[in-house]
Protein backbone atom coordinates (compact mmCIF):
# COMPACT_ATOMS: atom_id res chain seq x y z
CA MET A 1 0.00 0.01 0.10
CA ALA A 2 1.39 3.40 -1.00
CA PHE A 3 0.93 6.49 1.11
CA SER A 4 1.91 10.12 0.99
CA ILE A 5 2.27 11.99 4.15
CA SER A 6 3.65 15.59 3.86
CA ALA A 7 2.92 19.17 5.16
CA THR A 8 3.69 20.88 1.81
CA ALA A 9 3.88 20.09 -1.81
CA PRO A 10 6.05 21.53 -4.55
CA ALA A 11 5.21 25.12 -5.34
CA ALA A 12 3.30 25.81 -8.44
CA ASN A 13 5.14 27.12 -11.51
CA LEU A 14 4.82 30.97 -11.08
CA SER A 15 6.54 32.25 -14.34
CA PRO A 16 5.06 35.62 -15.22
CA LEU A 17 2.27 35.69 -17.90
CA THR A 18 2.62 37.31 -21.21
CA PRO A 19 0.04 39.80 -21.83
CA PRO A 20 -1.91 37.85 -24.50
CA LEU A 21 -2.19 34.82 -22.17
CA GLU A 22 -3.11 36.88 -19.35
CA LYS A 23 -5.97 38.39 -21.18
CA LEU A 24 -7.01 34.71 -22.39
CA LEU A 25 -6.97 33.26 -18.89
CA PHE A 26 -8.22 36.26 -16.75
CA PRO A 27 -10.63 38.92 -18.19
CA SER A 28 -11.63 41.79 -16.08
CA LEU A 29 -13.62 40.55 -13.09
CA ARG A 30 -17.36 41.33 -13.09
CA SER A 31 -19.39 42.18 -9.77
CA TYR A 32 -20.44 39.33 -8.01
CA SER A 33 -23.49 38.42 -5.82
CA LEU A 34 -25.35 36.07 -3.82
CA CYS A 35 -26.58 33.09 -5.63
CA SER A 36 -30.24 32.12 -5.62
CA LYS A 37 -31.31 28.60 -5.47
CA THR A 38 -31.34 28.13 -9.43
CA ALA A 39 -28.61 30.52 -10.09
CA GLN A 40 -31.02 32.47 -12.35
CA LYS A 41 -30.85 35.92 -10.71
CA PRO A 42 -28.70 37.71 -8.21
CA LEU A 43 -30.19 38.46 -4.87
CA VAL A 44 -27.97 41.40 -3.86
CA LEU A 45 -25.23 43.24 -5.15
CA ALA A 46 -22.26 42.36 -2.78
CA ALA A 47 -21.07 39.30 -0.69
CA ALA A 48 -22.76 38.96 2.54
CA ALA A 49 -21.08 38.34 5.83
CA SER A 50 -22.52 36.49 8.76
CA LYS A 51 -21.18 35.22 12.02
CA ASN A 52 -23.96 32.34 11.70
CA PRO A 53 -21.84 30.26 9.05
CA VAL A 54 -24.80 28.58 7.26
CA SER A 55 -28.23 29.19 8.45
CA ASP A 56 -28.30 33.11 7.96
CA VAL A 57 -27.44 32.60 4.24
CA ARG A 58 -30.56 32.63 2.30
CA SER A 59 -31.70 30.69 0.54
CA ASP A 60 -3.39 -14.59 -12.01
CA GLU A 61 -4.41 -11.56 -11.81
CA THR A 62 -3.97 -10.91 -15.56
CA SER A 63 -6.38 -13.87 -16.27
CA PHE A 64 -8.82 -12.62 -13.78
CA ALA A 65 -8.75 -8.93 -15.14
CA SER A 66 -10.04 -10.11 -18.40
CA TYR A 67 -13.09 -11.31 -16.77
CA PHE A 68 -13.78 -8.87 -13.83
CA ASP A 69 -12.68 -5.68 -15.33
CA GLU A 70 -15.10 -6.25 -18.32
CA ASP A 71 -17.91 -6.61 -15.87
CA ARG A 72 -16.54 -3.59 -13.75
CA THR A 73 -16.63 -1.35 -16.98
CA ASP A 74 -20.20 -2.36 -17.67
CA ARG A 75 -21.38 0.32 -15.38
CA LEU A 76 -21.21 3.91 -15.39
CA ARG A 77 -18.98 5.21 -12.60
CA GLU A 78 -18.93 8.39 -10.66
CA GLU A 79 -15.45 9.94 -10.28
CA CYS A 80 -15.34 10.93 -6.57
CA GLY A 81 -16.67 12.33 -3.49
CA VAL A 82 -15.45 15.26 -1.58
CA VAL A 83 -15.97 16.67 2.06
CA GLY A 84 -15.11 19.84 3.86
CA ILE A 85 -15.19 20.60 7.56
CA TYR A 86 -14.75 23.96 9.40
CA GLY A 87 -14.71 24.51 13.22
CA ASP A 88 -14.47 21.13 14.80
CA PRO A 89 -11.54 20.22 16.90
CA GLU A 90 -11.92 16.73 15.32
CA ALA A 91 -12.15 17.83 11.84
CA SER A 92 -9.81 15.07 10.35
CA ARG A 93 -11.75 12.32 12.11
CA LEU A 94 -15.08 13.52 11.02
CA CYS A 95 -13.74 14.06 7.60
CA TYR A 96 -12.62 10.25 7.67
CA LEU A 97 -16.09 9.21 8.79
CA ALA A 98 -17.80 11.33 6.19
CA LEU A 99 -15.39 9.69 3.41
CA HIS A 100 -16.64 6.29 4.47
CA ALA A 101 -20.12 7.38 3.94
CA LEU A 102 -19.00 8.57 0.44
CA GLN A 103 -16.98 5.47 -0.27
CA HIS A 104 -19.63 4.39 -2.97
CA ARG A 105 -18.37 7.32 -5.09
CA GLY A 106 -14.87 6.00 -5.21
CA GLN A 107 -12.93 3.05 -4.05
CA GLU A 108 -9.47 3.35 -5.43
CA GLY A 109 -7.83 6.16 -3.35
CA ALA A 110 -8.66 8.53 -0.48
CA GLY A 111 -6.92 11.70 1.02
CA ILE A 112 -7.33 14.18 3.62
CA VAL A 113 -5.81 17.65 4.21
CA SER A 114 -5.96 19.42 7.59
CA VAL A 115 -5.07 22.93 8.91
CA HIS A 116 -3.10 23.24 12.12
CA ASP A 117 -1.20 26.36 13.17
CA ASN A 118 -1.41 27.82 9.74
CA VAL A 119 0.36 24.68 8.22
CA LEU A 120 -1.42 22.32 5.65
CA GLN A 121 -0.65 18.75 6.51
CA HIS A 122 -1.89 15.83 4.20
CA ILE A 123 -2.19 12.12 4.02
CA THR A 124 -3.18 10.47 0.77
CA GLY A 125 -3.16 6.58 -0.23
CA VAL A 126 -4.29 4.21 -2.76
CA GLY A 127 -7.16 1.90 -1.56
CA LEU A 128 -10.39 2.24 0.61
CA VAL A 129 -10.55 4.86 3.19
CA SER A 130 -10.25 2.07 5.84
CA GLU A 131 -7.00 0.82 4.29
CA VAL A 132 -5.59 4.40 3.82
CA PHE A 133 -6.25 5.74 7.22
CA ASN A 134 -5.73 4.45 10.84
CA GLU A 135 -5.40 5.93 14.32
CA SER A 136 -1.79 6.78 13.98
CA LYS A 137 -2.24 8.57 10.65
CA LEU A 138 -5.05 10.72 11.93
CA ASP A 139 -3.14 11.64 14.78
CA LYS A 140 -1.05 13.44 12.25
CA LEU A 141 -3.74 15.56 11.10
CA PRO A 142 -4.75 17.83 13.87
CA GLY A 143 -6.83 21.13 13.53
CA GLU A 144 -10.18 22.42 13.23
CA MET A 145 -10.33 22.64 9.49
CA ALA A 146 -10.07 19.57 6.93
CA ILE A 147 -11.07 18.44 3.43
CA GLY A 148 -11.09 15.00 1.99
CA HIS A 149 -11.58 13.17 -1.26
CA VAL A 150 -12.35 9.54 -2.41
CA ARG A 151 -11.51 8.85 -6.00
CA TYR A 152 -12.48 6.39 -8.69
CA SER A 153 -10.05 5.80 -11.65
CA THR A 154 -10.70 4.24 -14.93
CA ALA A 155 -7.75 2.15 -16.04
CA GLY A 156 -4.65 0.42 -14.49
CA SER A 157 -3.52 1.05 -10.84
CA SER A 158 -4.50 4.23 -9.12
CA MET A 159 -1.23 5.92 -8.93
CA LEU A 160 -0.44 7.87 -5.68
CA LYS A 161 0.45 11.33 -7.04
CA ASN A 162 -3.00 11.48 -8.71
CA VAL A 163 -4.76 10.81 -5.28
CA GLN A 164 -6.59 13.86 -3.97
CA PRO A 165 -6.63 16.44 -2.31
CA PHE A 166 -3.78 18.04 -4.02
CA VAL A 167 -1.80 20.71 -1.95
CA ALA A 168 0.41 23.50 -3.51
CA SER A 169 2.44 26.35 -2.19
CA TYR A 170 2.40 29.55 -3.95
CA ARG A 171 3.51 33.25 -3.28
CA PHE A 172 0.82 34.21 -0.75
CA GLY A 173 0.59 30.77 1.03
CA SER A 174 -0.58 27.24 0.42
CA VAL A 175 -3.94 25.61 -0.77
CA GLY A 176 -5.41 22.37 -0.80
CA VAL A 177 -8.16 21.26 -3.32
CA ALA A 178 -10.50 18.35 -3.87
CA HIS A 179 -12.56 18.09 -6.90
CA ASN A 180 -15.61 16.13 -8.04
CA GLY A 181 -16.20 16.52 -11.96
CA ASN A 182 -14.55 16.90 -15.33
CA LEU A 183 -13.42 19.90 -17.08
CA VAL A 184 -14.31 20.03 -20.86
CA ASN A 185 -11.63 22.70 -21.90
CA TYR A 186 -8.92 20.95 -19.90
CA GLU A 187 -6.73 20.51 -22.99
CA ALA A 188 -6.90 24.19 -24.06
CA LEU A 189 -6.32 25.52 -20.41
CA ARG A 190 -3.17 23.00 -20.01
CA ALA A 191 -1.86 23.89 -23.25
CA ALA A 192 -2.06 27.73 -22.59
CA LEU A 193 -0.38 27.24 -19.25
CA GLU A 194 2.33 24.88 -20.51
CA GLU A 195 3.04 27.53 -23.22
CA ASN A 196 3.78 30.02 -20.47
CA GLY A 197 6.19 27.70 -18.71
CA SER A 198 3.98 25.77 -16.16
CA ILE A 199 4.85 22.42 -15.25
CA PHE A 200 2.40 19.64 -14.58
CA ASN A 201 2.97 16.61 -12.31
CA THR A 202 -0.14 14.88 -12.76
CA THR A 203 -2.88 13.99 -15.55
CA SER A 204 -5.57 15.48 -13.49
CA ASP A 205 -7.46 18.48 -14.58
CA THR A 206 -7.69 19.56 -10.97
CA GLU A 207 -4.03 20.53 -11.12
CA VAL A 208 -5.13 23.08 -13.85
CA ILE A 209 -7.29 24.90 -11.25
CA LEU A 210 -4.47 25.34 -8.91
CA HIS A 211 -1.96 26.69 -11.65
CA LEU A 212 -4.85 29.24 -12.39
CA ILE A 213 -5.17 30.31 -8.78
CA ALA A 214 -1.41 30.70 -8.43
CA ILE A 215 -1.03 32.96 -11.46
CA SER A 216 -4.12 34.96 -10.68
CA LYS A 217 -3.22 38.61 -9.53
CA ALA A 218 -6.53 39.18 -7.84
CA ARG A 219 -6.59 39.84 -4.02
CA PRO A 220 -8.21 38.69 -1.59
CA PHE A 221 -7.86 34.87 -2.16
CA ILE A 222 -11.59 34.41 -2.79
CA LEU A 223 -11.39 36.48 -5.84
CA ARG A 224 -8.34 34.21 -6.97
CA ILE A 225 -10.72 31.35 -6.97
CA VAL A 226 -13.32 33.11 -8.75
CA GLU A 227 -11.06 34.29 -11.40
CA ALA A 228 -9.78 30.71 -11.77
CA CYS A 229 -13.31 29.28 -12.04
CA GLU A 230 -14.36 31.73 -14.60
CA LYS A 231 -12.14 30.03 -17.11
CA LEU A 232 -13.56 26.51 -16.31
CA GLU A 233 -16.01 24.93 -18.46
CA GLY A 234 -17.67 21.53 -17.62
CA ALA A 235 -18.50 20.05 -14.26
CA TYR A 236 -16.84 20.97 -10.76
CA SER A 237 -17.81 20.59 -7.38
CA LEU A 238 -14.81 21.80 -5.41
CA VAL A 239 -13.68 22.28 -1.70
CA PHE A 240 -10.65 24.39 -0.92
CA VAL A 241 -8.73 24.93 2.18
CA THR A 242 -6.11 27.56 3.08
CA GLU A 243 -4.33 28.52 6.26
CA ASP A 244 -7.59 30.19 7.52
CA LYS A 245 -10.51 29.51 5.28
CA LEU A 246 -12.61 26.86 3.91
CA VAL A 247 -14.16 27.34 0.41
CA ALA A 248 -16.90 25.50 -1.54
CA VAL A 249 -17.50 26.11 -5.22
CA ARG A 250 -20.03 24.66 -7.57
CA ASP A 251 -20.11 25.13 -11.35
CA PRO A 252 -22.78 27.42 -12.86
CA PHE A 253 -24.65 24.37 -14.25
CA GLY A 254 -24.64 22.42 -11.02
CA PHE A 255 -23.63 19.10 -12.66
CA ARG A 256 -22.23 17.40 -9.62
CA PRO A 257 -24.07 17.59 -6.25
CA LEU A 258 -22.60 19.53 -3.28
CA VAL A 259 -24.40 20.07 0.01
CA MET A 260 -23.86 22.01 3.19
CA GLY A 261 -24.82 21.37 6.84
CA ARG A 262 -23.90 22.08 10.45
CA ARG A 263 -23.00 20.11 13.55
CA SER A 264 -24.51 20.91 16.94
CA ASN A 265 -21.42 22.89 17.74
CA GLY A 266 -21.53 24.99 14.95
CA ALA A 267 -18.98 23.42 12.73
CA VAL A 268 -19.87 23.80 8.88
CA VAL A 269 -19.84 20.62 6.75
CA PHE A 270 -19.68 20.37 2.88
CA ALA A 271 -20.12 17.05 1.13
CA SER A 272 -21.19 15.39 -1.94
CA GLU A 273 -24.29 13.85 -0.48
CA THR A 274 -26.26 14.26 2.66
CA CYS A 275 -25.60 10.58 3.74
CA ALA A 276 -21.99 11.94 4.84
CA LEU A 277 -23.93 14.65 7.00
CA ASP A 278 -26.04 11.86 8.62
CA LEU A 279 -23.02 9.72 9.76
CA ILE A 280 -21.29 12.63 11.36
CA GLU A 281 -24.60 14.01 12.80
CA ALA A 282 -24.57 17.31 10.88
CA THR A 283 -27.88 18.93 10.08
CA TYR A 284 -28.60 19.20 6.46
CA GLU A 285 -29.06 23.06 5.55
CA ARG A 286 -29.23 23.42 1.85
CA GLU A 287 -27.24 22.71 -1.51
CA VAL A 288 -24.26 24.95 -2.63
CA TYR A 289 -26.22 26.63 -5.33
CA PRO A 290 -25.05 26.35 -9.03
CA GLY A 291 -22.40 29.15 -9.61
CA GLU A 292 -21.90 29.83 -5.91
CA VAL A 293 -18.79 30.25 -4.05
CA VAL A 294 -19.03 29.91 -0.29
CA VAL A 295 -16.30 31.07 2.02
CA VAL A 296 -16.18 30.08 5.74
CA ASP A 297 -13.64 31.61 8.11
CA LYS A 298 -13.25 33.20 11.70
CA GLU A 299 -15.25 36.34 10.35
CA GLY A 300 -18.29 34.20 9.63
CA PHE A 301 -19.67 33.13 6.08
CA GLN A 302 -19.55 34.77 2.62
CA SER A 303 -21.48 33.65 -0.48
CA LEU A 304 -20.60 34.85 -3.95
CA CYS A 305 -22.21 34.35 -7.11
CA LEU A 306 -19.53 33.07 -9.61
CA MET A 307 -21.84 33.56 -12.63
CA THR A 308 -25.39 32.98 -13.41
CA HIS A 309 -27.05 30.73 -15.77
CA PRO A 310 -30.82 30.54 -16.95
CA GLU A 311 -31.20 26.85 -15.85
CA SER A 312 -29.08 24.24 -13.74
CA LYS A 313 -28.15 20.99 -15.35
CA ALA A 314 -27.95 18.61 -12.51
CA CYS A 315 -26.96 14.89 -13.43
CA ILE A 316 -29.87 12.77 -13.59
CA PHE A 317 -27.82 9.76 -12.93
CA GLU A 318 -27.20 10.88 -9.36
CA HIS A 319 -30.89 9.73 -8.69
CA ILE A 320 -30.67 6.89 -11.00
CA TYR A 321 -27.41 5.20 -9.85
CA PHE A 322 -24.61 7.12 -8.18
CA ALA A 323 -26.00 8.37 -4.95
CA LEU A 324 -26.95 6.38 -1.94
CA PRO A 325 -30.92 5.83 -1.54
CA ASN A 326 -30.85 7.55 1.87
CA SER A 327 -29.34 10.64 0.31
CA VAL A 328 -31.06 13.87 -0.59
CA VAL A 329 -29.61 15.05 -3.87
CA PHE A 330 -30.63 18.18 -5.89
CA GLY A 331 -33.22 18.75 -3.09
CA MET A 332 -35.14 15.43 -3.88
CA SER A 333 -35.08 12.04 -1.92
CA VAL A 334 -33.13 9.55 -4.07
CA TYR A 335 -35.10 6.58 -2.76
CA GLU A 336 -38.50 8.20 -3.61
CA SER A 337 -37.07 8.89 -7.11
CA ARG A 338 -36.12 5.27 -7.75
CA HIS A 339 -39.09 3.74 -6.10
CA LYS A 340 -41.05 5.91 -8.52
CA PHE A 341 -39.12 4.86 -11.62
CA GLY A 342 -40.05 1.20 -10.60
CA GLU A 343 -43.54 2.17 -10.30
CA ILE A 344 -43.62 3.74 -13.81
CA LEU A 345 -42.14 0.65 -15.13
CA ALA A 346 -44.70 -1.50 -13.75
CA THR A 347 -47.46 0.64 -15.29
CA GLU A 348 -45.88 1.16 -18.68
CA SER A 349 -44.23 -2.03 -19.24
CA PRO A 350 -46.35 -4.94 -17.28
CA VAL A 351 -45.79 -8.39 -17.69
CA GLU A 352 -47.17 -11.54 -16.21
CA CYS A 353 -44.64 -12.70 -13.46
CA ASP A 354 -44.34 -14.63 -10.17
CA VAL A 355 -41.52 -12.66 -8.51
CA VAL A 356 -39.73 -9.45 -8.86
CA ILE A 357 -36.04 -9.41 -8.01
CA ALA A 358 -33.31 -6.75 -8.44
CA VAL A 359 -29.68 -6.55 -9.60
CA PRO A 360 -28.20 -5.43 -6.35
CA ASP A 361 -27.67 -2.93 -4.99
CA SER A 362 -28.60 0.02 -7.20
CA GLY A 363 -31.63 -1.87 -8.66
CA VAL A 364 -33.21 -2.59 -5.39
CA VAL A 365 -35.47 0.44 -4.65
CA ALA A 366 -36.93 0.47 -8.20
CA ALA A 367 -37.75 -3.22 -7.95
CA LEU A 368 -39.44 -2.60 -4.79
CA GLY A 369 -41.49 0.17 -6.68
CA PHE A 370 -42.17 -2.22 -9.49
CA ALA A 371 -43.32 -5.00 -7.14
CA ALA A 372 -45.53 -2.69 -5.24
CA LYS A 373 -47.35 -1.39 -8.29
CA ALA A 374 -47.55 -4.70 -10.05
CA GLY A 375 -48.91 -6.37 -6.85
CA VAL A 376 -46.17 -9.09 -7.16
CA PRO A 377 -43.87 -10.20 -4.21
CA PHE A 378 -40.37 -8.81 -4.07
CA GLN A 379 -37.77 -11.25 -3.19
CA GLN A 380 -33.85 -11.57 -3.14
CA GLY A 381 -33.16 -13.54 -5.96
CA LEU A 382 -29.51 -12.42 -6.33
CA ILE A 383 -27.32 -11.99 -3.35
CA ARG A 384 -24.35 -9.80 -3.75
CA SER A 385 -21.05 -10.62 -2.30
CA HIS A 386 -19.51 -7.30 -0.72
CA TYR A 387 -15.98 -8.85 -0.13
CA VAL A 388 -14.70 -9.10 -3.76
CA GLY A 389 -11.47 -7.22 -4.04
CA ARG A 390 -10.13 -5.77 -7.29
CA THR A 391 -7.97 -8.76 -7.84
CA PHE A 392 -8.82 -12.62 -7.48
CA ILE A 393 -6.85 -15.59 -8.87
CA GLU A 394 -8.93 -17.60 -11.21
CA PRO A 395 -8.44 -21.53 -11.40
CA SER A 396 -6.68 -22.57 -14.65
CA GLN A 397 -9.74 -24.30 -15.84
CA LYS A 398 -11.88 -21.25 -17.16
CA ILE A 399 -15.10 -20.61 -15.52
CA ARG A 400 -17.93 -19.03 -17.62
CA ASP A 401 -18.93 -15.60 -16.39
CA PHE A 402 -16.42 -15.84 -13.64
CA GLY A 403 -16.58 -11.94 -12.81
CA VAL A 404 -20.28 -12.07 -12.49
CA LYS A 405 -20.50 -15.19 -10.32
CA LEU A 406 -17.99 -13.75 -8.05
CA LYS A 407 -20.25 -10.84 -7.22
CA LEU A 408 -23.82 -12.12 -7.76
CA SER A 409 -25.13 -15.55 -6.56
CA PRO A 410 -28.50 -16.66 -7.58
CA VAL A 411 -31.13 -18.18 -5.07
CA LYS A 412 -32.59 -21.40 -6.68
CA ALA A 413 -35.62 -21.51 -4.13
CA VAL A 414 -36.69 -18.07 -5.35
CA LEU A 415 -36.18 -18.57 -9.14
CA GLU A 416 -36.65 -22.27 -10.05
CA GLY A 417 -39.96 -22.59 -12.12
CA LYS A 418 -40.76 -18.86 -11.76
CA ARG A 419 -41.45 -16.14 -14.40
CA VAL A 420 -39.12 -13.62 -12.98
CA VAL A 421 -38.90 -9.78 -13.54
CA VAL A 422 -35.30 -8.61 -12.77
CA VAL A 423 -34.79 -4.89 -12.42
CA ASP A 424 -31.57 -3.03 -12.99
CA ASP A 425 -30.70 0.62 -13.20
CA SER A 426 -29.18 0.99 -16.65
CA ILE A 427 -27.58 -1.16 -19.45
CA VAL A 428 -24.31 0.17 -20.67
CA ARG A 429 -22.60 -2.30 -22.87
CA GLY A 430 -25.02 -5.24 -22.23
CA THR A 431 -22.25 -7.68 -21.30
CA THR A 432 -23.17 -7.90 -17.64
CA SER A 433 -27.11 -7.92 -18.39
CA SER A 434 -26.33 -10.97 -20.76
CA LYS A 435 -24.56 -12.85 -18.19
CA ILE A 436 -27.11 -12.04 -15.46
CA VAL A 437 -29.85 -13.39 -17.48
CA ARG A 438 -27.83 -16.46 -18.27
CA LEU A 439 -27.15 -16.75 -14.53
CA LEU A 440 -30.91 -16.82 -13.68
CA LYS A 441 -31.86 -19.19 -16.40
CA GLU A 442 -29.29 -21.60 -15.26
CA ALA A 443 -30.68 -21.26 -11.78
CA GLY A 444 -33.90 -22.75 -13.00
CA ALA A 445 -36.02 -19.47 -13.90
CA LYS A 446 -38.73 -20.26 -16.22
CA GLU A 447 -38.82 -16.89 -17.93
CA VAL A 448 -36.52 -13.79 -17.33
CA HIS A 449 -38.14 -10.36 -18.14
CA MET A 450 -35.54 -7.49 -17.81
CA ARG A 451 -36.81 -4.05 -16.79
CA ILE A 452 -34.59 -0.95 -16.83
CA ALA A 453 -35.11 2.00 -14.44
CA SER A 454 -33.63 4.44 -16.92
CA PRO A 455 -33.95 5.41 -20.58
CA PRO A 456 -31.31 3.96 -23.02
CA ILE A 457 -28.00 5.30 -22.82
CA ILE A 458 -26.92 6.56 -26.12
CA ALA A 459 -23.96 9.23 -25.58
CA SER A 460 -20.82 9.53 -23.57
CA CYS A 461 -20.71 11.88 -20.55
CA TYR A 462 -18.02 14.55 -20.53
CA TYR A 463 -18.99 15.88 -16.94
CA GLY A 464 -17.35 13.56 -14.58
CA VAL A 465 -18.87 10.20 -15.26
CA ASP A 466 -16.72 7.31 -16.69
CA THR A 467 -18.75 6.19 -19.69
CA PRO A 468 -17.47 4.07 -22.62
CA SER A 469 -17.40 5.80 -26.19
CA SER A 470 -20.75 6.10 -27.96
CA GLU A 471 -19.60 3.23 -30.34
CA GLU A 472 -19.37 0.95 -27.45
CA LEU A 473 -22.85 1.65 -25.61
CA ILE A 474 -25.25 -0.97 -26.78
CA SER A 475 -28.38 1.32 -26.92
CA ASN A 476 -26.53 3.64 -29.45
CA ARG A 477 -26.18 0.78 -32.02
CA MET A 478 -29.09 -1.69 -31.24
CA THR A 479 -32.89 -1.45 -31.02
CA VAL A 480 -34.57 -2.54 -27.92
CA GLU A 481 -35.59 -5.90 -29.58
CA GLU A 482 -31.89 -6.40 -30.78
CA ILE A 483 -30.71 -5.66 -27.14
CA ARG A 484 -33.28 -8.19 -26.03
CA ALA A 485 -31.98 -10.69 -28.05
CA PHE A 486 -28.38 -10.11 -27.28
CA ILE A 487 -28.75 -10.38 -23.60
CA GLY A 488 -31.00 -13.40 -23.97
CA SER A 489 -34.14 -12.27 -21.87
CA ASP A 490 -37.65 -13.07 -22.66
CA SER A 491 -38.67 -9.29 -22.97
CA LEU A 492 -36.84 -6.10 -22.18
CA ALA A 493 -38.18 -2.62 -21.35
CA PHE A 494 -36.59 0.68 -20.47
CA LEU A 495 -38.13 3.51 -18.38
CA SER A 496 -39.31 6.09 -21.09
CA PHE A 497 -37.56 9.44 -21.55
CA ASP A 498 -40.94 11.15 -21.40
CA SER A 499 -42.11 9.47 -18.23
CA LEU A 500 -38.85 10.42 -16.61
CA LYS A 501 -39.38 13.99 -17.51
CA LYS A 502 -42.83 13.79 -16.67
CA HIS A 503 -41.93 12.51 -13.06
CA LEU A 504 -39.67 15.49 -12.53
CA GLY A 505 -42.28 17.92 -13.22
CA SER A 506 -41.43 21.57 -13.16
CA ASP A 507 -37.68 20.59 -12.30
CA SER A 508 -37.42 18.67 -15.43
CA PRO A 509 -35.68 21.47 -17.30
CA ASN A 510 -33.01 21.67 -14.64
CA PHE A 511 -31.45 18.38 -15.21
CA CYS A 512 -29.05 17.06 -17.78
CA TYR A 513 -29.85 14.25 -19.98
CA ALA A 514 -27.04 14.10 -22.38
CA CYS A 515 -26.40 10.44 -21.87
CA PHE A 516 -29.84 9.83 -23.05
CA SER A 517 -30.38 12.40 -25.67
CA GLY A 518 -26.87 13.38 -26.96
CA ARG A 519 -27.66 17.05 -26.34
CA TYR A 520 -24.87 18.68 -24.25
CA PRO A 521 -25.29 21.73 -22.01
CA VAL A 522 -21.52 22.54 -22.78
CA LEU A 523 -19.96 21.43 -25.80
CA PRO A 524 -16.37 20.21 -25.34
CA THR A 525 -13.56 22.42 -26.80
CA GLY A 526 -10.80 20.25 -28.11
CA LYS A 527 -10.34 16.74 -26.66
CA VAL A 528 -11.83 15.81 -23.44
CA LYS A 529 -9.75 13.67 -21.18
CA ARG A 530 -11.20 10.59 -19.70
CA VAL A 531 -12.05 10.39 -15.99
CA GLY A 532 -9.36 8.86 -13.99
CA ASP A 533 -5.80 7.83 -14.49
CA PHE A 534 -5.90 7.31 -18.28
CA MET A 535 -2.09 7.42 -18.50
CA ASP A 536 -1.61 5.36 -15.33
CA ASP A 537 1.05 7.96 -14.79
CA GLY A 538 3.72 5.70 -16.12
CA LEU A 539 4.07 7.90 -19.26
CA SER A 540 5.36 11.29 -19.87
CA GLY A 541 5.42 13.37 -22.89
CA ASN A 542 3.13 15.49 -25.17
CA MET A 543 -0.47 15.08 -24.13
CA GLY A 544 -1.59 14.77 -27.73
CA SER A 545 0.82 11.93 -28.49
CA ILE A 546 -0.53 9.55 -25.74
CA ASP A 547 -3.54 7.57 -27.25
CA GLY A 548 -6.34 5.98 -25.11
CA GLY A 549 -6.70 8.83 -22.68
CA TRP A 550 -9.20 10.90 -24.56
CA LEU A 551 -12.80 10.32 -25.29
CA HIS A 552 -13.49 9.63 -28.86
CA LYS A 553 -15.09 11.92 -31.43
CA THR A 554 -19.03 11.63 -31.15
CA LYS A 555 -22.04 13.18 -32.78
CA MET A 556 -23.33 15.78 -30.32
CA LEU A 557 -26.15 18.31 -30.26
CA ASN A 558 -25.95 21.51 -28.42
CA GLU A 559 -29.06 21.63 -26.23
CA ASN A 560 -30.59 24.45 -28.12
CA GLU A 561 -29.83 22.96 -31.75
CA GLU A 562 -31.63 20.56 -34.04
CA ALA A 563 -28.82 20.03 -36.36
CA ILE A 564 -26.07 17.54 -35.54
CA ALA A 565 -22.61 19.20 -35.03
CA THR A 566 -19.49 17.14 -34.88
CA PRO A 567 -16.68 19.11 -33.31
CA GLU A 568 -13.04 17.76 -33.59
CA LEU A 569 -12.32 16.16 -30.17
């Protein structure tokens, strides 16, 4: 297990900006204001300060990998989870617990930065939160401020130097940052910075943010963050920590979630999901609004509006798959959303059946909704193993569907001789679904009817979700009937796109559906980096010369366009 423990990091390259680059990266500051919930209109003209931090603000292993990794990549994966805590003497320990609650958002690396006596100290490591941290390591992270991060990477080993939070020193002090999301203009920003002499140590787009902060000429620090974020395009929910401040930022579209709460002792907490607040006994206050910059320090609380946008575009997959059912995300209960998706499926795509089962864990709540609406018993027909690691030695004699069988075990007493409806959250490549159908039939199911609690996924995501290229998405190249034949089920039905939007009602325009429609709120400029460690950090060289780390060219629609555009990616 590799770890990194240090109090500082190499200083950011601070070579002076040439005038054209300065103009490109940092236009003159506009005036900033408090953000409304939907980031549609400013509430007041200046930042507000409060002594009440939250509530006063308005509203062989190689052989194995060929099996296991294929199943692992047949899911959409969220990149990471973040947490920030201000004003608690056990900030790092609370951060550690909150990261446990967010472990489902990333299992390959974790880190915490704390502040003590104006010094930033951080520990990062590869593995689960419980593997990276222990009592002795947490003892090295004293202080009343801390931020934390759990991450997911897409390929190879998750190299230590790409594990967040990142910490950097610059001319006015030190700053730590944890990032959830993906920047669609990363290539252009990095190229401009490198042209000016900046040196990058990682492949992470988060490092671009640190460089932009370091070269900004704005004062105070909050305006350096604002200036940097003005140049970012795409999805970013960020938590920063300095010697005396905790800062939370959410992009103007609000793609990725970020909530805020408070403990009984007044400590302020930011986290990707409310489940993290629940574990450390923090009361949920509200979301960080799209386009909002929130600063907490000894003077109280400030809220600035980074920039406004007429509509937020929250990721709908948080409610379909990513978030835990006990979380409130984008102001709505994840459990209630998934239960309703199952009810809609039962109404729109009924089928004669004897039992309803789920693909655990993400399909369970939708299956409960389907069963309740259909008047058919829900049972556990598949048991999930929670103890399968990333590597496992397969016997020399090949076992068919080895990866799926390691994770899912059928219950013959539930399935044998039955007409079974199996509910899952989504179909990506279709390979795992075909193996699950075969597993159920081998266990004696008379019929297997697949019901999917989301519309067909036809396009890649550029906003922090690890998706295959569009050509690899089965719904992009096959009809529903062709998919049914491919996976071998007796019937197949998806949640309809229109029904999904109807369920969301007046909130429907505030969600991003790019993966279902191919219409993107923010079109990429240049190539878009895959989420995770695409270079495995074992390669160095010109970014453009390294293949495999970029999302493929795809046909895309701007949300407001009818004609198809194909930008060079």
